[in-house]
Amino acid sequence: MADSFLIEKCRQNDRKAQLELYRKYCDGMYIIANRYMRDAAAAEDALQEAFIKAFQKIDQFKGDVTFGAWLKRIVINKCLDVIKARKMEVQSLDDGILHIAEGEEDWDVGDQATMDEVYNAIENLPENYRVVVKLFLLEGYDHQEISEILGISESASRTNLHRGKIQLKKTLKHLEYGTGY
């Protein structure tokens, strides 16, 4: 069934339509939730809460983006809410001291690194770098959106991304010239 038909039925609290939309999107959204939660059970919990919120707020879906994109934003925000609720310590940055050049995009991981190695390297970043790197590189958010989502300044977002990229380059370069396993 088409998403528009299912969404209209969901607006009428049709449980079958909700189940159909859930089945259609749950696998893809689980992958996204798992990227942030790093724990299968926590990812499943966040995913369930995100779907509940999506169905409660379905009237706010206006169709200016695809339903999948709208739902993805809810899933990511739910995951970030859970992370914030855990009171993860985020390193504060002094905006007056730190500055990363706006056009600095010299990041290249080389052809030797596999996607799995890149994902594993991202997972091993400190929490504040990891979340910003995922939002920027994997989800395509810009620094303004990241600053709003995480409640940090755009400068802090840029700095965390820059530092995360530096650590990723070091890790991936080490893999390239490492043990060769």
C-alpha atoms as a PDB file:
ATOM      1  CA  MET A   1       0.000   0.000   0.000  1.00  0.00           C
ATOM      2  CA  ALA A   2       1.096   3.563  -0.651  1.00  0.00           C
ATOM      3  CA  ASP A   3       2.393   5.553   2.296  1.00  0.00           C
ATOM      4  CA  SER A   4      -0.142   8.342   1.718  1.00  0.00           C
ATOM      5  CA  PHE A   5      -3.054   5.903   2.069  1.00  0.00           C
ATOM      6  CA  LEU A   6      -1.540   4.310   5.190  1.00  0.00           C
ATOM      7  CA  ILE A   7      -0.816   7.709   6.733  1.00  0.00           C
ATOM      8  CA  GLU A   8      -4.401   8.814   6.175  1.00  0.00           C
ATOM      9  CA  LYS A   9      -5.628   5.618   7.839  1.00  0.00           C
ATOM     10  CA  CYS A  10      -3.192   6.187  10.741  1.00  0.00           C
ATOM     11  CA  ARG A  11      -4.675   9.650  11.222  1.00  0.00           C
ATOM     12  CA  GLN A  12      -7.960   7.797  11.837  1.00  0.00           C
ATOM     13  CA  ASN A  13      -6.214   5.562  14.432  1.00  0.00           C
ATOM     14  CA  ASP A  14      -6.397   2.500  12.185  1.00  0.00           C
ATOM     15  CA  ARG A  15      -4.232  -0.098  13.994  1.00  0.00           C
ATOM     16  CA  LYS A  16      -3.789  -2.237  10.874  1.00  0.00           C
ATOM     17  CA  ALA A  17      -2.394   0.752   8.961  1.00  0.00           C
ATOM     18  CA  GLN A  18      -0.076   1.534  11.886  1.00  0.00           C
ATOM     19  CA  LEU A  19       1.174  -2.043  11.883  1.00  0.00           C
ATOM     20  CA  GLU A  20       1.709  -1.915   8.124  1.00  0.00           C
ATOM     21  CA  LEU A  21       3.751   1.310   8.371  1.00  0.00           C
ATOM     22  CA  TYR A  22       5.688  -0.147  11.289  1.00  0.00           C
ATOM     23  CA  ARG A  23       6.546  -3.280   9.314  1.00  0.00           C
ATOM     24  CA  LYS A  24       7.550  -1.222   6.296  1.00  0.00           C
ATOM     25  CA  TYR A  25       9.967   1.024   8.202  1.00  0.00           C
ATOM     26  CA  CYS A  26      11.052  -0.851  11.342  1.00  0.00           C
ATOM     27  CA  ASP A  27      14.148  -2.579   9.915  1.00  0.00           C
ATOM     28  CA  GLY A  28      15.641   0.576   8.408  1.00  0.00           C
ATOM     29  CA  MET A  29      14.843   2.671  11.457  1.00  0.00           C
ATOM     30  CA  TYR A  30      16.325   0.008  13.748  1.00  0.00           C
ATOM     31  CA  ILE A  31      19.643   0.322  11.900  1.00  0.00           C
ATOM     32  CA  ILE A  32      19.606   4.069  12.519  1.00  0.00           C
ATOM     33  CA  ALA A  33      18.664   3.659  16.196  1.00  0.00           C
ATOM     34  CA  ASN A  34      21.378   1.058  16.681  1.00  0.00           C
ATOM     35  CA  ARG A  35      23.997   3.474  15.282  1.00  0.00           C
ATOM     36  CA  TYR A  36      23.307   5.811  18.171  1.00  0.00           C
ATOM     37  CA  MET A  37      22.432   3.489  21.027  1.00  0.00           C
ATOM     38  CA  ARG A  38      25.236   0.920  20.550  1.00  0.00           C
ATOM     39  CA  ASP A  39      23.075  -1.613  22.370  1.00  0.00           C
ATOM     40  CA  ALA A  40      20.408  -3.720  20.658  1.00  0.00           C
ATOM     41  CA  ALA A  41      17.921  -3.580  23.531  1.00  0.00           C
ATOM     42  CA  ALA A  42      18.281   0.192  23.947  1.00  0.00           C
ATOM     43  CA  ALA A  43      17.919   0.649  20.176  1.00  0.00           C
ATOM     44  CA  GLU A  44      14.730  -1.427  20.176  1.00  0.00           C
ATOM     45  CA  ASP A  45      13.321   0.583  23.087  1.00  0.00           C
ATOM     46  CA  ALA A  46      14.149   3.898  21.422  1.00  0.00           C
ATOM     47  CA  LEU A  47      12.652   2.647  18.153  1.00  0.00           C
ATOM     48  CA  GLN A  48       9.392   1.623  19.842  1.00  0.00           C
ATOM     49  CA  GLU A  49       9.133   4.988  21.585  1.00  0.00           C
ATOM     50  CA  ALA A  50       9.843   6.770  18.296  1.00  0.00           C
ATOM     51  CA  PHE A  51       7.049   4.888  16.512  1.00  0.00           C
ATOM     52  CA  ILE A  52       4.632   5.645  19.345  1.00  0.00           C
ATOM     53  CA  LYS A  53       5.545   9.328  19.119  1.00  0.00           C
ATOM     54  CA  ALA A  54       5.229   9.271  15.308  1.00  0.00           C
ATOM     55  CA  PHE A  55       1.741   7.786  15.492  1.00  0.00           C
ATOM     56  CA  GLN A  56       0.731  10.280  18.190  1.00  0.00           C
ATOM     57  CA  LYS A  57       2.045  13.172  16.082  1.00  0.00           C
ATOM     58  CA  ILE A  58       0.982  11.843  12.657  1.00  0.00           C
ATOM     59  CA  ASP A  59      -1.235  14.910  12.159  1.00  0.00           C
ATOM     60  CA  GLN A  60       1.956  17.008  12.145  1.00  0.00           C
ATOM     61  CA  PHE A  61       3.246  15.140   9.095  1.00  0.00           C
ATOM     62  CA  LYS A  62       2.594  17.544   6.219  1.00  0.00           C
ATOM     63  CA  GLY A  63       4.171  15.596   3.372  1.00  0.00           C
ATOM     64  CA  ASP A  64       6.838  18.198   2.567  1.00  0.00           C
ATOM     65  CA  VAL A  65       9.395  15.378   3.040  1.00  0.00           C
ATOM     66  CA  THR A  66       8.930  11.635   2.680  1.00  0.00           C
ATOM     67  CA  PHE A  67       7.393   9.787   5.595  1.00  0.00           C
ATOM     68  CA  GLY A  68      10.665   7.856   5.971  1.00  0.00           C
ATOM     69  CA  ALA A  69      12.666  11.084   6.326  1.00  0.00           C
ATOM     70  CA  TRP A  70      10.158  12.447   8.853  1.00  0.00           C
ATOM     71  CA  LEU A  71      10.247   9.226  10.857  1.00  0.00           C
ATOM     72  CA  LYS A  72      14.060   9.076  10.700  1.00  0.00           C
ATOM     73  CA  ARG A  73      14.264  12.498  12.350  1.00  0.00           C
ATOM     74  CA  ILE A  74      11.952  11.302  15.136  1.00  0.00           C
ATOM     75  CA  VAL A  75      14.065   8.157  15.656  1.00  0.00           C
ATOM     76  CA  ILE A  76      17.306  10.143  15.814  1.00  0.00           C
ATOM     77  CA  ASN A  77      15.818  12.694  18.201  1.00  0.00           C
ATOM     78  CA  LYS A  78      14.470   9.914  20.440  1.00  0.00           C
ATOM     79  CA  CYS A  79      17.915   8.269  20.535  1.00  0.00           C
ATOM     80  CA  LEU A  80      19.551  11.577  21.387  1.00  0.00           C
ATOM     81  CA  ASP A  81      16.952  12.160  24.128  1.00  0.00           C
ATOM     82  CA  VAL A  82      17.869   8.791  25.649  1.00  0.00           C
ATOM     83  CA  ILE A  83      21.577   9.609  25.439  1.00  0.00           C
ATOM     84  CA  LYS A  84      20.976  12.987  27.092  1.00  0.00           C
ATOM     85  CA  ALA A  85      18.848  11.329  29.773  1.00  0.00           C
ATOM     86  CA  ARG A  86      21.792   9.132  30.657  1.00  0.00           C
ATOM     87  CA  LYS A  87      23.512  12.402  31.495  1.00  0.00           C
ATOM     88  CA  MET A  88      26.476  11.630  29.346  1.00  0.00           C
ATOM     89  CA  GLU A  89      29.184  14.147  30.037  1.00  0.00           C
ATOM     90  CA  VAL A  90      29.797  16.329  27.043  1.00  0.00           C
ATOM     91  CA  GLN A  91      33.008  18.286  26.938  1.00  0.00           C
ATOM     92  CA  SER A  92      32.248  22.003  27.010  1.00  0.00           C
ATOM     93  CA  LEU A  93      34.031  24.173  24.514  1.00  0.00           C
ATOM     94  CA  ASP A  94      34.952  27.818  24.843  1.00  0.00           C
ATOM     95  CA  ASP A  95      33.621  29.435  21.679  1.00  0.00           C
ATOM     96  CA  GLY A  96      35.956  32.408  22.100  1.00  0.00           C
ATOM     97  CA  ILE A  97      39.068  30.235  21.914  1.00  0.00           C
ATOM     98  CA  LEU A  98      38.183  27.508  19.450  1.00  0.00           C
ATOM     99  CA  HIS A  99      37.562  28.140  15.784  1.00  0.00           C
ATOM    100  CA  ILE A 100      37.550  25.760  12.859  1.00  0.00           C
ATOM    101  CA  ALA A 101      37.748  27.237   9.378  1.00  0.00           C
ATOM    102  CA  GLU A 102      34.371  26.996   7.630  1.00  0.00           C
ATOM    103  CA  GLY A 103      35.750  25.589   4.387  1.00  0.00           C
ATOM    104  CA  GLU A 104      38.062  23.009   5.929  1.00  0.00           C
ATOM    105  CA  GLU A 105      36.988  19.789   4.248  1.00  0.00           C
ATOM    106  CA  ASP A 106      40.288  18.001   3.609  1.00  0.00           C
ATOM    107  CA  TRP A 107      39.125  14.731   5.079  1.00  0.00           C
ATOM    108  CA  ASP A 108      39.970  11.642   3.061  1.00  0.00           C
ATOM    109  CA  VAL A 109      40.126   8.139   4.511  1.00  0.00           C
ATOM    110  CA  GLY A 110      41.785   6.599   1.473  1.00  0.00           C
ATOM    111  CA  ASP A 111      40.733   3.626  -0.602  1.00  0.00           C
ATOM    112  CA  GLN A 112      42.090   1.000   1.789  1.00  0.00           C
ATOM    113  CA  ALA A 113      39.447   1.455   4.518  1.00  0.00           C
ATOM    114  CA  THR A 114      36.276  -0.616   4.238  1.00  0.00           C
ATOM    115  CA  MET A 115      32.892   0.727   5.315  1.00  0.00           C
ATOM    116  CA  ASP A 116      32.930  -1.643   8.288  1.00  0.00           C
ATOM    117  CA  GLU A 117      36.286  -0.240   9.390  1.00  0.00           C
ATOM    118  CA  VAL A 118      34.960   3.313   9.083  1.00  0.00           C
ATOM    119  CA  TYR A 119      31.804   2.454  11.058  1.00  0.00           C
ATOM    120  CA  ASN A 120      33.862   0.675  13.742  1.00  0.00           C
ATOM    121  CA  ALA A 121      36.233   3.632  13.970  1.00  0.00           C
ATOM    122  CA  ILE A 122      33.244   5.976  14.407  1.00  0.00           C
ATOM    123  CA  GLU A 123      31.830   3.736  17.148  1.00  0.00           C
ATOM    124  CA  ASN A 124      35.116   3.984  19.061  1.00  0.00           C
ATOM    125  CA  LEU A 125      35.126   7.787  19.124  1.00  0.00           C
ATOM    126  CA  PRO A 126      34.366   9.582  22.408  1.00  0.00           C
ATOM    127  CA  GLU A 127      30.602  10.163  22.809  1.00  0.00           C
ATOM    128  CA  ASN A 128      30.594  13.890  21.981  1.00  0.00           C
ATOM    129  CA  TYR A 129      32.625  13.378  18.791  1.00  0.00           C
ATOM    130  CA  ARG A 130      30.743  10.208  17.787  1.00  0.00           C
ATOM    131  CA  VAL A 131      27.281  11.779  17.911  1.00  0.00           C
ATOM    132  CA  VAL A 132      28.335  14.839  15.891  1.00  0.00           C
ATOM    133  CA  VAL A 133      30.238  12.728  13.339  1.00  0.00           C
ATOM    134  CA  LYS A 134      27.227  10.445  12.872  1.00  0.00           C
ATOM    135  CA  LEU A 135      24.780  13.317  12.515  1.00  0.00           C
ATOM    136  CA  PHE A 136      27.039  15.136  10.043  1.00  0.00           C
ATOM    137  CA  LEU A 137      28.614  12.359   7.979  1.00  0.00           C
ATOM    138  CA  LEU A 138      26.001   9.606   8.132  1.00  0.00           C
ATOM    139  CA  GLU A 139      22.725  11.499   8.470  1.00  0.00           C
ATOM    140  CA  GLY A 140      23.605  14.657   6.525  1.00  0.00           C
ATOM    141  CA  TYR A 141      22.663  17.253   9.137  1.00  0.00           C
ATOM    142  CA  ASP A 142      24.426  20.618   8.969  1.00  0.00           C
ATOM    143  CA  HIS A 143      26.047  22.341  11.940  1.00  0.00           C
ATOM    144  CA  GLN A 144      23.036  24.560  12.638  1.00  0.00           C
ATOM    145  CA  GLU A 145      20.748  21.515  12.847  1.00  0.00           C
ATOM    146  CA  ILE A 146      23.271  19.619  14.997  1.00  0.00           C
ATOM    147  CA  SER A 147      23.585  22.566  17.379  1.00  0.00           C
ATOM    148  CA  GLU A 148      19.795  22.692  17.774  1.00  0.00           C
ATOM    149  CA  ILE A 149      19.449  18.925  18.250  1.00  0.00           C
ATOM    150  CA  LEU A 150      22.264  18.631  20.805  1.00  0.00           C
ATOM    151  CA  GLY A 151      21.841  22.008  22.472  1.00  0.00           C
ATOM    152  CA  ILE A 152      25.430  23.067  21.686  1.00  0.00           C
ATOM    153  CA  SER A 153      26.814  25.974  19.683  1.00  0.00           C
ATOM    154  CA  GLU A 154      27.569  25.637  15.983  1.00  0.00           C
ATOM    155  CA  SER A 155      31.221  26.246  16.832  1.00  0.00           C
ATOM    156  CA  ALA A 156      31.183  23.318  19.272  1.00  0.00           C
ATOM    157  CA  SER A 157      29.596  21.163  16.566  1.00  0.00           C
ATOM    158  CA  ARG A 158      32.317  22.136  14.080  1.00  0.00           C
ATOM    159  CA  THR A 159      35.047  21.550  16.639  1.00  0.00           C
ATOM    160  CA  ASN A 160      33.695  18.133  17.691  1.00  0.00           C
ATOM    161  CA  LEU A 161      33.387  17.137  14.033  1.00  0.00           C
ATOM    162  CA  HIS A 162      36.922  18.334  13.287  1.00  0.00           C
ATOM    163  CA  ARG A 163      38.401  16.510  16.278  1.00  0.00           C
ATOM    164  CA  GLY A 164      36.379  13.398  15.480  1.00  0.00           C
ATOM    165  CA  LYS A 165      37.664  13.428  11.897  1.00  0.00           C
ATOM    166  CA  ILE A 166      41.249  13.760  13.144  1.00  0.00           C
ATOM    167  CA  GLN A 167      40.804  10.726  15.383  1.00  0.00           C
ATOM    168  CA  LEU A 168      39.142   8.797  12.558  1.00  0.00           C
ATOM    169  CA  LYS A 169      42.014   9.584  10.195  1.00  0.00           C
ATOM    170  CA  LYS A 170      44.540   8.393  12.780  1.00  0.00           C
ATOM    171  CA  THR A 171      42.604   5.203  13.448  1.00  0.00           C
ATOM    172  CA  LEU A 172      42.041   4.417   9.793  1.00  0.00           C
ATOM    173  CA  LYS A 173      45.638   5.239   8.845  1.00  0.00           C
ATOM    174  CA  HIS A 174      46.815   2.894  11.609  1.00  0.00           C
ATOM    175  CA  LEU A 175      44.573   0.161  10.166  1.00  0.00           C
ATOM    176  CA  GLU A 176      45.984   0.751   6.707  1.00  0.00           C
ATOM    177  CA  TYR A 177      49.580   0.301   7.849  1.00  0.00           C
ATOM    178  CA  GLY A 178      48.828  -1.903  10.850  1.00  0.00           C
ATOM    179  CA  THR A 179      49.147  -5.601  11.315  1.00  0.00           C
ATOM    180  CA  GLY A 180      47.474  -6.459   8.009  1.00  0.00           C
ATOM    181  CA  TYR A 181      45.187  -9.085   9.567  1.00  0.00           C
END
